[in-house]
């Protein structure tokens, strides 16, 4: 059964909603736009705010659904965490796209909300707050991801620490190029246009 939960979670997470929605809307291949990422931030660079919002919601929803299925098949919390983490991995490394996926922040938000809504709200508040202050998408996403395991520790939900900590670590790893640009002061801000290759990998989703 754990293998079933892992497989379902991964396959759900690997659905590239940003890529699919952009193509269905006649926007071409999302990977040829902006940073080349498949997440909501890069969809926003197409100028279609509705598609970006839909991508954000769907990328989060697939993580939440994976958590629900994991809990149903393996009750007690372990299945929920396993399903959620695998959905997150599926988003970051989808087999359909040669394992070149998104940064995982939106999916981690959906997973976190499904596992513990108070931690999920903290995640969302930190993400939105940091983005509003800095106007740097990657900064908001990374800070929110790190805030999740910290919140789990402070709220006493220690059974979530390993899963949230692993996802936060992978979010930081996926943002390693962003971290280098932040150190150099060259990380692009939200609202500035970018051609293919500019701000490579700058979106968090």
N, C-alpha and C. Protein backbone atom coordinates (compact mmCIF):
# COMPACT_ATOMS: atom_id res chain seq x y z
N UNK A 1 0.80 -1.22 0.00
CA UNK A 1 0.00 0.00 0.00
C UNK A 1 0.84 1.28 0.00
N UNK A 2 1.95 1.34 0.75
CA UNK A 2 2.79 2.54 0.64
C UNK A 2 3.25 2.80 -0.78
N UNK A 3 3.56 1.75 -1.52
CA UNK A 3 3.99 1.93 -2.91
C UNK A 3 2.86 2.50 -3.76
N UNK A 4 1.63 2.09 -3.48
CA UNK A 4 0.47 2.61 -4.21
C UNK A 4 0.30 4.10 -3.91
N UNK A 5 0.41 4.46 -2.63
CA UNK A 5 0.30 5.87 -2.22
C UNK A 5 1.39 6.69 -2.90
N UNK A 6 2.60 6.18 -2.93
CA UNK A 6 3.70 6.90 -3.56
C UNK A 6 3.45 7.10 -5.05
N UNK A 7 2.98 6.04 -5.72
CA UNK A 7 2.74 6.12 -7.16
C UNK A 7 1.63 7.10 -7.48
N UNK A 8 0.52 7.02 -6.74
CA UNK A 8 -0.59 7.94 -6.98
C UNK A 8 -0.16 9.38 -6.72
N UNK A 9 0.54 9.59 -5.61
CA UNK A 9 0.99 10.94 -5.28
C UNK A 9 1.90 11.50 -6.35
N UNK A 10 2.85 10.71 -6.79
CA UNK A 10 3.79 11.17 -7.81
C UNK A 10 3.08 11.50 -9.11
N UNK A 11 2.18 10.62 -9.55
CA UNK A 11 1.49 10.84 -10.82
C UNK A 11 0.59 12.07 -10.77
N UNK A 12 -0.07 12.27 -9.64
CA UNK A 12 -0.88 13.49 -9.49
C UNK A 12 0.00 14.74 -9.55
N UNK A 13 1.10 14.70 -8.81
CA UNK A 13 1.98 15.85 -8.77
C UNK A 13 2.64 16.16 -10.10
N UNK A 14 2.80 15.14 -10.93
CA UNK A 14 3.52 15.33 -12.19
C UNK A 14 2.65 15.93 -13.30
N UNK A 15 1.35 16.16 -13.04
CA UNK A 15 0.49 16.79 -14.05
C UNK A 15 0.92 18.25 -14.21
N UNK A 16 1.42 18.65 -15.38
CA UNK A 16 1.93 20.02 -15.58
C UNK A 16 0.81 20.99 -15.97
N UNK A 17 0.04 21.41 -14.98
CA UNK A 17 -1.14 22.23 -15.28
C UNK A 17 -0.78 23.53 -16.00
N UNK A 18 0.31 24.16 -15.61
CA UNK A 18 0.69 25.41 -16.25
C UNK A 18 0.94 25.22 -17.74
N UNK A 19 1.65 24.17 -18.08
CA UNK A 19 1.95 23.86 -19.47
C UNK A 19 0.68 23.53 -20.24
N UNK A 20 -0.19 22.71 -19.64
CA UNK A 20 -1.41 22.29 -20.31
C UNK A 20 -2.37 23.46 -20.52
N UNK A 21 -2.56 24.27 -19.49
CA UNK A 21 -3.49 25.39 -19.59
C UNK A 21 -3.01 26.41 -20.63
N UNK A 22 -1.72 26.67 -20.64
CA UNK A 22 -1.17 27.64 -21.59
C UNK A 22 -1.35 27.15 -23.03
N UNK A 23 -1.13 25.88 -23.26
CA UNK A 23 -1.32 25.33 -24.60
C UNK A 23 -2.78 25.37 -25.01
N UNK A 24 -3.68 24.98 -24.09
CA UNK A 24 -5.10 24.98 -24.40
C UNK A 24 -5.63 26.38 -24.71
N UNK A 25 -4.99 27.38 -24.09
CA UNK A 25 -5.40 28.77 -24.32
C UNK A 25 -4.73 29.38 -25.53
N UNK A 26 -3.94 28.59 -26.24
CA UNK A 26 -3.28 29.08 -27.45
C UNK A 26 -2.02 29.88 -27.17
N UNK A 27 -1.45 29.69 -25.98
CA UNK A 27 -0.26 30.46 -25.62
C UNK A 27 1.05 29.80 -25.98
N UNK A 28 1.00 28.65 -26.64
CA UNK A 28 2.22 27.97 -27.05
C UNK A 28 2.85 27.19 -25.91
N UNK A 29 4.12 26.91 -26.08
CA UNK A 29 4.88 26.11 -25.11
C UNK A 29 5.40 27.02 -24.00
N UNK A 30 4.93 26.82 -22.78
CA UNK A 30 5.33 27.66 -21.65
C UNK A 30 6.82 27.61 -21.40
N UNK A 31 7.44 26.49 -21.77
CA UNK A 31 8.87 26.34 -21.53
C UNK A 31 9.71 27.23 -22.43
N UNK A 32 9.09 27.85 -23.44
CA UNK A 32 9.80 28.77 -24.33
C UNK A 32 9.55 30.22 -23.95
N UNK A 33 8.94 30.43 -22.78
CA UNK A 33 8.59 31.78 -22.33
C UNK A 33 9.29 32.08 -21.02
N UNK A 34 9.75 33.31 -20.86
CA UNK A 34 10.32 33.75 -19.59
C UNK A 34 11.42 32.85 -19.08
N UNK A 35 11.21 32.31 -17.87
CA UNK A 35 12.22 31.46 -17.24
C UNK A 35 12.21 30.04 -17.79
N UNK A 36 11.14 29.69 -18.53
CA UNK A 36 11.01 28.32 -19.02
C UNK A 36 10.38 27.38 -18.02
N UNK A 37 9.99 27.91 -16.86
CA UNK A 37 9.38 27.11 -15.81
C UNK A 37 7.94 26.79 -16.16
N UNK A 38 7.37 25.78 -15.48
CA UNK A 38 5.99 25.37 -15.76
C UNK A 38 5.02 25.85 -14.69
N UNK A 39 5.49 26.67 -13.76
CA UNK A 39 4.65 27.11 -12.65
C UNK A 39 3.88 28.39 -12.94
N UNK A 40 3.10 28.80 -11.92
CA UNK A 40 2.20 29.95 -12.07
C UNK A 40 2.94 31.25 -12.34
N UNK A 41 4.12 31.42 -11.74
CA UNK A 41 4.86 32.67 -11.94
C UNK A 41 5.21 32.86 -13.41
N UNK A 42 5.61 31.79 -14.07
CA UNK A 42 5.97 31.91 -15.48
C UNK A 42 4.72 32.05 -16.35
N UNK A 43 3.62 31.42 -15.94
CA UNK A 43 2.36 31.61 -16.67
C UNK A 43 1.97 33.09 -16.63
N UNK A 44 2.23 33.74 -15.51
CA UNK A 44 1.91 35.16 -15.37
C UNK A 44 2.67 36.00 -16.39
N UNK A 45 3.84 35.54 -16.78
CA UNK A 45 4.64 36.28 -17.76
C UNK A 45 4.01 36.28 -19.15
N UNK A 46 3.02 35.40 -19.37
CA UNK A 46 2.32 35.41 -20.65
C UNK A 46 1.30 36.55 -20.70
N UNK A 47 1.08 37.19 -19.55
CA UNK A 47 0.10 38.28 -19.48
C UNK A 47 -1.30 37.81 -19.17
N UNK A 48 -1.47 36.52 -18.91
CA UNK A 48 -2.81 35.98 -18.65
C UNK A 48 -2.94 35.67 -17.16
N UNK A 49 -3.46 36.64 -16.44
CA UNK A 49 -3.56 36.51 -14.98
C UNK A 49 -4.52 35.39 -14.58
N UNK A 50 -5.58 35.20 -15.35
CA UNK A 50 -6.53 34.15 -15.05
C UNK A 50 -5.90 32.77 -15.14
N UNK A 51 -5.09 32.57 -16.18
CA UNK A 51 -4.39 31.29 -16.33
C UNK A 51 -3.40 31.07 -15.21
N UNK A 52 -2.70 32.15 -14.82
CA UNK A 52 -1.73 32.04 -13.73
C UNK A 52 -2.43 31.66 -12.43
N UNK A 53 -3.58 32.28 -12.16
CA UNK A 53 -4.34 31.96 -10.96
C UNK A 53 -4.83 30.52 -10.98
N UNK A 54 -5.31 30.08 -12.14
CA UNK A 54 -5.79 28.71 -12.27
C UNK A 54 -4.65 27.71 -12.07
N UNK A 55 -3.47 28.04 -12.59
CA UNK A 55 -2.31 27.17 -12.42
C UNK A 55 -1.93 27.07 -10.95
N UNK A 56 -1.92 28.20 -10.26
CA UNK A 56 -1.59 28.21 -8.84
C UNK A 56 -2.55 27.34 -8.05
N UNK A 57 -3.85 27.49 -8.34
CA UNK A 57 -4.87 26.72 -7.61
C UNK A 57 -4.75 25.23 -7.91
N UNK A 58 -4.59 24.88 -9.18
CA UNK A 58 -4.52 23.47 -9.56
C UNK A 58 -3.23 22.81 -9.06
N UNK A 59 -2.12 23.54 -9.10
CA UNK A 59 -0.86 22.98 -8.59
C UNK A 59 -0.95 22.73 -7.08
N UNK A 60 -1.66 23.61 -6.38
CA UNK A 60 -1.88 23.38 -4.96
C UNK A 60 -2.87 22.26 -4.71
N UNK A 61 -3.92 22.22 -5.53
CA UNK A 61 -4.98 21.22 -5.35
C UNK A 61 -4.46 19.80 -5.54
N UNK A 62 -3.56 19.60 -6.49
CA UNK A 62 -3.07 18.23 -6.72
C UNK A 62 -2.29 17.73 -5.51
N UNK A 63 -1.60 18.65 -4.81
CA UNK A 63 -0.92 18.26 -3.58
C UNK A 63 -1.90 17.90 -2.48
N UNK A 64 -2.98 18.69 -2.36
CA UNK A 64 -3.98 18.43 -1.34
C UNK A 64 -4.71 17.11 -1.61
N UNK A 65 -5.02 16.85 -2.86
CA UNK A 65 -5.70 15.59 -3.22
C UNK A 65 -4.81 14.40 -2.90
N UNK A 66 -3.53 14.51 -3.18
CA UNK A 66 -2.59 13.42 -2.88
C UNK A 66 -2.55 13.14 -1.38
N UNK A 67 -2.61 14.19 -0.58
CA UNK A 67 -2.65 14.03 0.88
C UNK A 67 -3.92 13.28 1.29
N UNK A 68 -5.06 13.67 0.74
CA UNK A 68 -6.33 13.03 1.08
C UNK A 68 -6.34 11.56 0.70
N UNK A 69 -5.82 11.26 -0.48
CA UNK A 69 -5.78 9.86 -0.92
C UNK A 69 -4.83 9.06 -0.03
N UNK A 70 -3.68 9.64 0.30
CA UNK A 70 -2.73 8.96 1.16
C UNK A 70 -3.31 8.65 2.53
N UNK A 71 -4.06 9.60 3.09
CA UNK A 71 -4.71 9.38 4.39
C UNK A 71 -5.78 8.30 4.29
N UNK A 72 -6.49 8.28 3.18
CA UNK A 72 -7.55 7.27 3.00
C UNK A 72 -6.97 5.86 2.89
N UNK A 73 -5.88 5.73 2.17
CA UNK A 73 -5.29 4.40 1.95
C UNK A 73 -4.42 3.95 3.11
N UNK A 74 -3.78 4.92 3.77
CA UNK A 74 -2.91 4.61 4.92
C UNK A 74 -3.25 5.56 6.06
N UNK A 75 -4.33 5.30 6.78
CA UNK A 75 -4.76 6.21 7.84
C UNK A 75 -3.71 6.34 8.95
N UNK A 76 -3.76 7.49 9.62
CA UNK A 76 -2.88 7.69 10.76
C UNK A 76 -1.86 8.78 10.57
N UNK A 77 -1.85 9.43 9.43
CA UNK A 77 -0.93 10.54 9.20
C UNK A 77 0.23 10.21 8.29
N UNK A 78 0.77 9.01 8.41
CA UNK A 78 1.92 8.65 7.60
C UNK A 78 1.61 8.61 6.12
N UNK A 79 0.45 8.07 5.76
CA UNK A 79 0.05 8.02 4.37
C UNK A 79 -0.19 9.39 3.79
N UNK A 80 -0.75 10.29 4.60
CA UNK A 80 -1.00 11.65 4.14
C UNK A 80 0.29 12.37 3.81
N UNK A 81 1.27 12.26 4.71
CA UNK A 81 2.57 12.90 4.49
C UNK A 81 3.25 12.30 3.27
N UNK A 82 3.22 10.97 3.16
CA UNK A 82 3.87 10.29 2.05
C UNK A 82 3.26 10.70 0.72
N UNK A 83 1.94 10.72 0.65
CA UNK A 83 1.27 11.12 -0.59
C UNK A 83 1.59 12.55 -0.97
N UNK A 84 1.60 13.43 0.03
CA UNK A 84 1.89 14.84 -0.23
C UNK A 84 3.31 15.07 -0.71
N UNK A 85 4.25 14.43 -0.05
CA UNK A 85 5.66 14.60 -0.45
C UNK A 85 5.89 14.06 -1.86
N UNK A 86 5.26 12.95 -2.19
CA UNK A 86 5.43 12.39 -3.52
C UNK A 86 4.79 13.28 -4.59
N UNK A 87 3.68 13.94 -4.27
CA UNK A 87 3.08 14.87 -5.23
C UNK A 87 4.02 16.05 -5.46
N UNK A 88 4.64 16.51 -4.40
CA UNK A 88 5.62 17.59 -4.50
C UNK A 88 6.80 17.19 -5.38
N UNK A 89 7.30 15.98 -5.18
CA UNK A 89 8.41 15.48 -6.00
C UNK A 89 7.97 15.34 -7.45
N UNK A 90 6.73 14.86 -7.66
CA UNK A 90 6.22 14.72 -9.01
C UNK A 90 6.15 16.05 -9.74
N UNK A 91 5.79 17.12 -9.02
CA UNK A 91 5.74 18.44 -9.64
C UNK A 91 7.14 18.91 -10.02
N UNK A 92 8.08 18.68 -9.14
CA UNK A 92 9.46 19.14 -9.39
C UNK A 92 10.16 18.31 -10.46
N UNK A 93 9.84 17.02 -10.50
CA UNK A 93 10.54 16.11 -11.43
C UNK A 93 9.52 15.22 -12.16
N UNK A 94 8.69 15.81 -13.04
CA UNK A 94 7.68 15.01 -13.76
C UNK A 94 8.30 14.15 -14.85
N UNK A 95 7.93 12.89 -14.86
CA UNK A 95 8.49 11.97 -15.84
C UNK A 95 8.11 12.38 -17.26
N UNK A 96 6.93 13.01 -17.44
CA UNK A 96 6.46 13.38 -18.77
C UNK A 96 7.32 14.48 -19.41
N UNK A 97 8.01 15.26 -18.58
CA UNK A 97 8.81 16.38 -19.08
C UNK A 97 10.29 16.16 -18.85
N UNK A 98 10.70 14.90 -18.89
CA UNK A 98 12.10 14.54 -18.69
C UNK A 98 12.62 15.06 -17.36
N UNK A 99 11.75 15.02 -16.36
CA UNK A 99 12.07 15.39 -14.99
C UNK A 99 12.45 16.86 -14.83
N UNK A 100 11.99 17.69 -15.77
CA UNK A 100 12.23 19.13 -15.69
C UNK A 100 10.92 19.83 -15.32
N UNK A 101 10.66 19.98 -14.04
CA UNK A 101 9.41 20.54 -13.58
C UNK A 101 9.55 21.90 -12.94
N UNK A 102 8.63 22.22 -12.04
CA UNK A 102 8.62 23.51 -11.38
C UNK A 102 9.41 23.52 -10.08
N UNK A 103 9.27 24.61 -9.34
CA UNK A 103 10.02 24.77 -8.10
C UNK A 103 9.30 24.17 -6.89
N UNK A 104 7.99 23.92 -7.02
CA UNK A 104 7.27 23.18 -5.99
C UNK A 104 6.58 23.99 -4.91
N UNK A 105 6.67 25.31 -4.94
CA UNK A 105 6.13 26.09 -3.84
C UNK A 105 4.60 26.00 -3.77
N UNK A 106 3.92 26.16 -4.90
CA UNK A 106 2.46 26.09 -4.90
C UNK A 106 1.97 24.71 -4.47
N UNK A 107 2.63 23.67 -4.95
CA UNK A 107 2.24 22.31 -4.56
C UNK A 107 2.51 22.08 -3.09
N UNK A 108 3.63 22.60 -2.57
CA UNK A 108 3.91 22.47 -1.14
C UNK A 108 2.87 23.19 -0.32
N UNK A 109 2.38 24.33 -0.80
CA UNK A 109 1.32 25.05 -0.09
C UNK A 109 0.07 24.18 0.00
N UNK A 110 -0.34 23.56 -1.10
CA UNK A 110 -1.51 22.69 -1.08
C UNK A 110 -1.34 21.51 -0.15
N UNK A 111 -0.15 20.91 -0.16
CA UNK A 111 0.14 19.79 0.73
C UNK A 111 0.06 20.25 2.19
N UNK A 112 0.66 21.39 2.48
CA UNK A 112 0.70 21.89 3.85
C UNK A 112 -0.68 22.22 4.37
N UNK A 113 -1.50 22.87 3.54
CA UNK A 113 -2.87 23.19 3.94
C UNK A 113 -3.66 21.92 4.24
N UNK A 114 -3.46 20.87 3.45
CA UNK A 114 -4.19 19.63 3.66
C UNK A 114 -3.71 18.88 4.90
N UNK A 115 -2.43 18.99 5.20
CA UNK A 115 -1.89 18.31 6.37
C UNK A 115 -2.25 19.03 7.66
N UNK A 116 -2.17 20.36 7.63
CA UNK A 116 -2.45 21.17 8.82
C UNK A 116 -2.78 22.58 8.37
N UNK A 117 -4.07 22.93 8.42
CA UNK A 117 -4.45 24.24 7.88
C UNK A 117 -3.79 25.41 8.62
N UNK A 118 -3.53 25.33 9.95
CA UNK A 118 -2.85 26.47 10.57
C UNK A 118 -1.44 26.69 10.00
N UNK A 119 -0.72 25.60 9.77
CA UNK A 119 0.61 25.73 9.18
C UNK A 119 0.49 26.22 7.75
N UNK A 120 -0.52 25.75 7.04
CA UNK A 120 -0.74 26.20 5.68
C UNK A 120 -1.03 27.69 5.61
N UNK A 121 -1.80 28.20 6.56
CA UNK A 121 -2.09 29.64 6.59
C UNK A 121 -0.83 30.44 6.89
N UNK A 122 0.00 29.93 7.77
CA UNK A 122 1.28 30.60 8.04
C UNK A 122 2.14 30.62 6.78
N UNK A 123 2.19 29.49 6.10
CA UNK A 123 2.92 29.39 4.83
C UNK A 123 2.44 30.47 3.86
N UNK A 124 1.12 30.53 3.66
CA UNK A 124 0.56 31.49 2.71
C UNK A 124 0.83 32.93 3.13
N UNK A 125 0.70 33.22 4.44
CA UNK A 125 0.91 34.58 4.93
C UNK A 125 2.36 35.02 4.74
N UNK A 126 3.30 34.11 5.01
CA UNK A 126 4.72 34.44 4.82
C UNK A 126 5.02 34.66 3.34
N UNK A 127 4.49 33.79 2.49
CA UNK A 127 4.71 33.90 1.05
C UNK A 127 4.20 35.25 0.53
N UNK A 128 2.95 35.55 0.84
CA UNK A 128 2.35 36.79 0.36
C UNK A 128 3.05 38.01 0.96
N UNK A 129 3.33 37.93 2.26
CA UNK A 129 3.97 39.06 2.94
C UNK A 129 5.35 39.36 2.40
N UNK A 130 6.17 38.33 2.23
CA UNK A 130 7.51 38.54 1.71
C UNK A 130 7.49 39.02 0.26
N UNK A 131 6.56 38.49 -0.51
CA UNK A 131 6.43 38.93 -1.90
C UNK A 131 6.02 40.40 -1.96
N UNK A 132 5.10 40.79 -1.08
CA UNK A 132 4.64 42.18 -1.06
C UNK A 132 5.77 43.14 -0.67
N UNK A 133 6.61 42.71 0.25
CA UNK A 133 7.68 43.58 0.73
C UNK A 133 8.83 43.67 -0.27
N UNK A 134 9.24 42.52 -0.83
CA UNK A 134 10.44 42.48 -1.67
C UNK A 134 10.15 42.57 -3.16
N UNK A 135 8.92 42.18 -3.57
CA UNK A 135 8.56 42.07 -4.99
C UNK A 135 9.44 41.05 -5.71
N UNK A 136 10.01 40.12 -4.96
CA UNK A 136 10.85 39.07 -5.53
C UNK A 136 10.16 37.73 -5.28
N UNK A 137 9.70 37.10 -6.35
CA UNK A 137 8.91 35.89 -6.23
C UNK A 137 9.67 34.76 -5.53
N UNK A 138 10.91 34.57 -5.92
CA UNK A 138 11.68 33.47 -5.33
C UNK A 138 11.89 33.66 -3.84
N UNK A 139 12.08 34.90 -3.39
CA UNK A 139 12.26 35.19 -1.97
C UNK A 139 11.02 34.80 -1.18
N UNK A 140 9.84 35.15 -1.71
CA UNK A 140 8.60 34.78 -1.04
C UNK A 140 8.44 33.28 -0.94
N UNK A 141 8.70 32.57 -2.03
CA UNK A 141 8.53 31.12 -2.04
C UNK A 141 9.48 30.41 -1.11
N UNK A 142 10.74 30.78 -1.14
CA UNK A 142 11.73 30.12 -0.29
C UNK A 142 11.46 30.39 1.19
N UNK A 143 11.14 31.62 1.52
CA UNK A 143 10.89 31.97 2.91
C UNK A 143 9.67 31.22 3.44
N UNK A 144 8.63 31.13 2.64
CA UNK A 144 7.43 30.41 3.05
C UNK A 144 7.71 28.93 3.26
N UNK A 145 8.49 28.34 2.36
CA UNK A 145 8.82 26.92 2.48
C UNK A 145 9.56 26.63 3.78
N UNK A 146 10.51 27.49 4.12
CA UNK A 146 11.28 27.30 5.36
C UNK A 146 10.40 27.55 6.58
N UNK A 147 9.43 28.46 6.45
CA UNK A 147 8.55 28.77 7.58
C UNK A 147 7.67 27.59 7.97
N UNK A 148 7.37 26.70 7.02
CA UNK A 148 6.45 25.58 7.30
C UNK A 148 6.99 24.62 8.37
N UNK A 149 8.20 24.06 8.22
CA UNK A 149 8.69 23.18 9.28
C UNK A 149 8.93 23.92 10.59
N UNK A 150 9.32 25.19 10.52
CA UNK A 150 9.48 25.97 11.75
C UNK A 150 8.15 26.09 12.47
N UNK A 151 7.08 26.35 11.71
CA UNK A 151 5.74 26.45 12.30
C UNK A 151 5.30 25.11 12.88
N UNK A 152 5.60 24.02 12.19
CA UNK A 152 5.25 22.69 12.69
C UNK A 152 5.92 22.43 14.04
N UNK A 153 7.16 22.82 14.16
CA UNK A 153 7.89 22.64 15.42
C UNK A 153 7.28 23.49 16.53
N UNK A 154 7.00 24.75 16.23
CA UNK A 154 6.48 25.65 17.25
C UNK A 154 5.05 25.28 17.67
N UNK A 155 4.28 24.71 16.75
CA UNK A 155 2.90 24.32 17.05
C UNK A 155 2.81 22.91 17.62
N UNK A 156 3.94 22.23 17.73
CA UNK A 156 3.96 20.90 18.32
C UNK A 156 3.53 19.78 17.39
N UNK A 157 3.44 20.05 16.11
CA UNK A 157 3.05 19.01 15.15
C UNK A 157 4.32 18.35 14.60
N UNK A 158 5.00 17.66 15.49
CA UNK A 158 6.33 17.16 15.17
C UNK A 158 6.31 16.04 14.13
N UNK A 159 5.18 15.36 14.00
CA UNK A 159 5.12 14.28 13.01
C UNK A 159 5.20 14.80 11.58
N UNK A 160 5.03 16.12 11.41
CA UNK A 160 5.12 16.72 10.08
C UNK A 160 6.51 17.26 9.77
N UNK A 161 7.38 17.26 10.76
CA UNK A 161 8.68 17.92 10.59
C UNK A 161 9.51 17.31 9.46
N UNK A 162 9.57 15.99 9.41
CA UNK A 162 10.44 15.36 8.41
C UNK A 162 9.94 15.64 7.00
N UNK A 163 8.63 15.51 6.78
CA UNK A 163 8.07 15.76 5.44
C UNK A 163 8.20 17.21 5.03
N UNK A 164 7.81 18.13 5.91
CA UNK A 164 7.90 19.55 5.57
C UNK A 164 9.36 19.99 5.45
N UNK A 165 10.21 19.45 6.30
CA UNK A 165 11.63 19.79 6.22
C UNK A 165 12.26 19.33 4.92
N UNK A 166 11.88 18.12 4.47
CA UNK A 166 12.42 17.60 3.21
C UNK A 166 11.95 18.45 2.04
N UNK A 167 10.68 18.85 2.04
CA UNK A 167 10.18 19.68 0.95
C UNK A 167 10.84 21.05 0.96
N UNK A 168 11.01 21.63 2.15
CA UNK A 168 11.67 22.94 2.23
C UNK A 168 13.10 22.87 1.70
N UNK A 169 13.81 21.79 2.05
CA UNK A 169 15.19 21.63 1.57
C UNK A 169 15.22 21.53 0.04
N UNK A 170 14.26 20.80 -0.53
CA UNK A 170 14.23 20.65 -1.99
C UNK A 170 13.84 21.96 -2.67
N UNK A 171 12.95 22.74 -2.04
CA UNK A 171 12.61 24.06 -2.58
C UNK A 171 13.87 24.92 -2.67
N UNK A 172 14.67 24.92 -1.61
CA UNK A 172 15.91 25.70 -1.62
C UNK A 172 16.86 25.19 -2.70
N UNK A 173 16.96 23.88 -2.85
CA UNK A 173 17.83 23.31 -3.87
C UNK A 173 17.37 23.71 -5.27
N UNK A 174 16.07 23.69 -5.49
CA UNK A 174 15.54 24.06 -6.79
C UNK A 174 15.72 25.55 -7.07
N UNK A 175 15.93 26.32 -6.03
CA UNK A 175 16.14 27.77 -6.17
C UNK A 175 17.61 28.16 -6.06
N UNK A 176 18.52 27.22 -6.23
CA UNK A 176 19.94 27.54 -6.01
C UNK A 176 20.44 28.64 -6.95
N UNK A 177 19.94 28.65 -8.19
CA UNK A 177 20.34 29.72 -9.12
C UNK A 177 19.79 31.06 -8.66
N UNK A 178 18.58 31.03 -8.11
CA UNK A 178 17.98 32.26 -7.59
C UNK A 178 18.78 32.80 -6.41
N UNK A 179 19.23 31.89 -5.57
CA UNK A 179 20.02 32.30 -4.40
C UNK A 179 21.31 32.99 -4.84
N UNK A 180 21.92 32.46 -5.89
CA UNK A 180 23.14 33.09 -6.42
C UNK A 180 22.84 34.49 -6.95
N UNK A 181 21.71 34.66 -7.65
CA UNK A 181 21.35 35.98 -8.16
C UNK A 181 20.97 36.94 -7.05
N UNK A 182 20.33 36.42 -6.01
CA UNK A 182 20.00 37.27 -4.87
C UNK A 182 21.27 37.81 -4.22
N UNK A 183 22.28 36.96 -4.12
CA UNK A 183 23.55 37.39 -3.52
C UNK A 183 24.22 38.46 -4.38
N UNK A 184 24.01 38.39 -5.70
CA UNK A 184 24.61 39.37 -6.62
C UNK A 184 23.72 40.59 -6.83
N UNK A 185 22.48 40.52 -6.34
CA UNK A 185 21.56 41.63 -6.53
C UNK A 185 20.97 41.70 -7.92
N UNK A 186 20.95 40.58 -8.63
CA UNK A 186 20.45 40.57 -10.01
C UNK A 186 19.14 39.79 -10.18
N UNK A 187 18.54 39.34 -9.09
CA UNK A 187 17.30 38.59 -9.18
C UNK A 187 16.17 39.50 -9.66
N UNK A 188 15.43 39.10 -10.71
CA UNK A 188 14.35 39.96 -11.24
C UNK A 188 13.19 40.07 -10.27
N UNK A 189 12.48 41.18 -10.37
CA UNK A 189 11.31 41.44 -9.54
C UNK A 189 10.03 41.17 -10.31
N UNK A 190 8.97 40.89 -9.59
CA UNK A 190 7.68 40.61 -10.20
C UNK A 190 7.21 41.83 -10.98
N UNK A 191 6.71 41.57 -12.20
CA UNK A 191 6.19 42.67 -13.02
C UNK A 191 7.12 43.09 -14.11
N UNK A 192 8.40 42.66 -14.03
CA UNK A 192 9.34 43.00 -15.09
C UNK A 192 9.36 41.89 -16.12
N UNK A 193 9.34 42.25 -17.37
CA UNK A 193 9.32 41.27 -18.45
C UNK A 193 10.62 40.50 -18.51
N UNK A 194 10.53 39.33 -19.11
CA UNK A 194 11.73 38.52 -19.27
C UNK A 194 11.61 37.68 -20.51
N UNK A 195 12.62 37.71 -21.34
CA UNK A 195 12.65 36.85 -22.51
C UNK A 195 13.15 35.49 -22.10
N UNK A 196 13.12 34.55 -23.00
CA UNK A 196 13.61 33.21 -22.69
C UNK A 196 15.05 33.28 -22.25
N UNK A 197 15.31 32.72 -21.06
CA UNK A 197 16.66 32.69 -20.53
C UNK A 197 16.92 33.80 -19.55
N UNK A 198 16.12 34.88 -19.56
CA UNK A 198 16.30 35.96 -18.61
C UNK A 198 15.64 35.56 -17.32
N UNK A 199 16.35 35.72 -16.23
CA UNK A 199 15.80 35.31 -14.95
C UNK A 199 15.53 33.83 -14.92
N UNK A 200 16.42 33.05 -15.45
CA UNK A 200 16.21 31.62 -15.59
C UNK A 200 15.84 30.99 -14.26
N UNK A 201 14.69 30.34 -14.26
CA UNK A 201 14.26 29.63 -13.06
C UNK A 201 13.79 30.53 -11.95
N UNK A 202 13.36 31.77 -12.26
CA UNK A 202 13.08 32.72 -11.20
C UNK A 202 11.75 32.50 -10.51
N UNK A 203 10.84 31.75 -11.10
CA UNK A 203 9.55 31.55 -10.48
C UNK A 203 9.59 30.46 -9.41
N UNK A 204 8.72 30.56 -8.38
CA UNK A 204 8.75 29.59 -7.31
C UNK A 204 7.84 28.40 -7.49
N UNK A 205 6.88 28.49 -8.41
CA UNK A 205 5.83 27.48 -8.42
C UNK A 205 6.26 26.21 -9.11
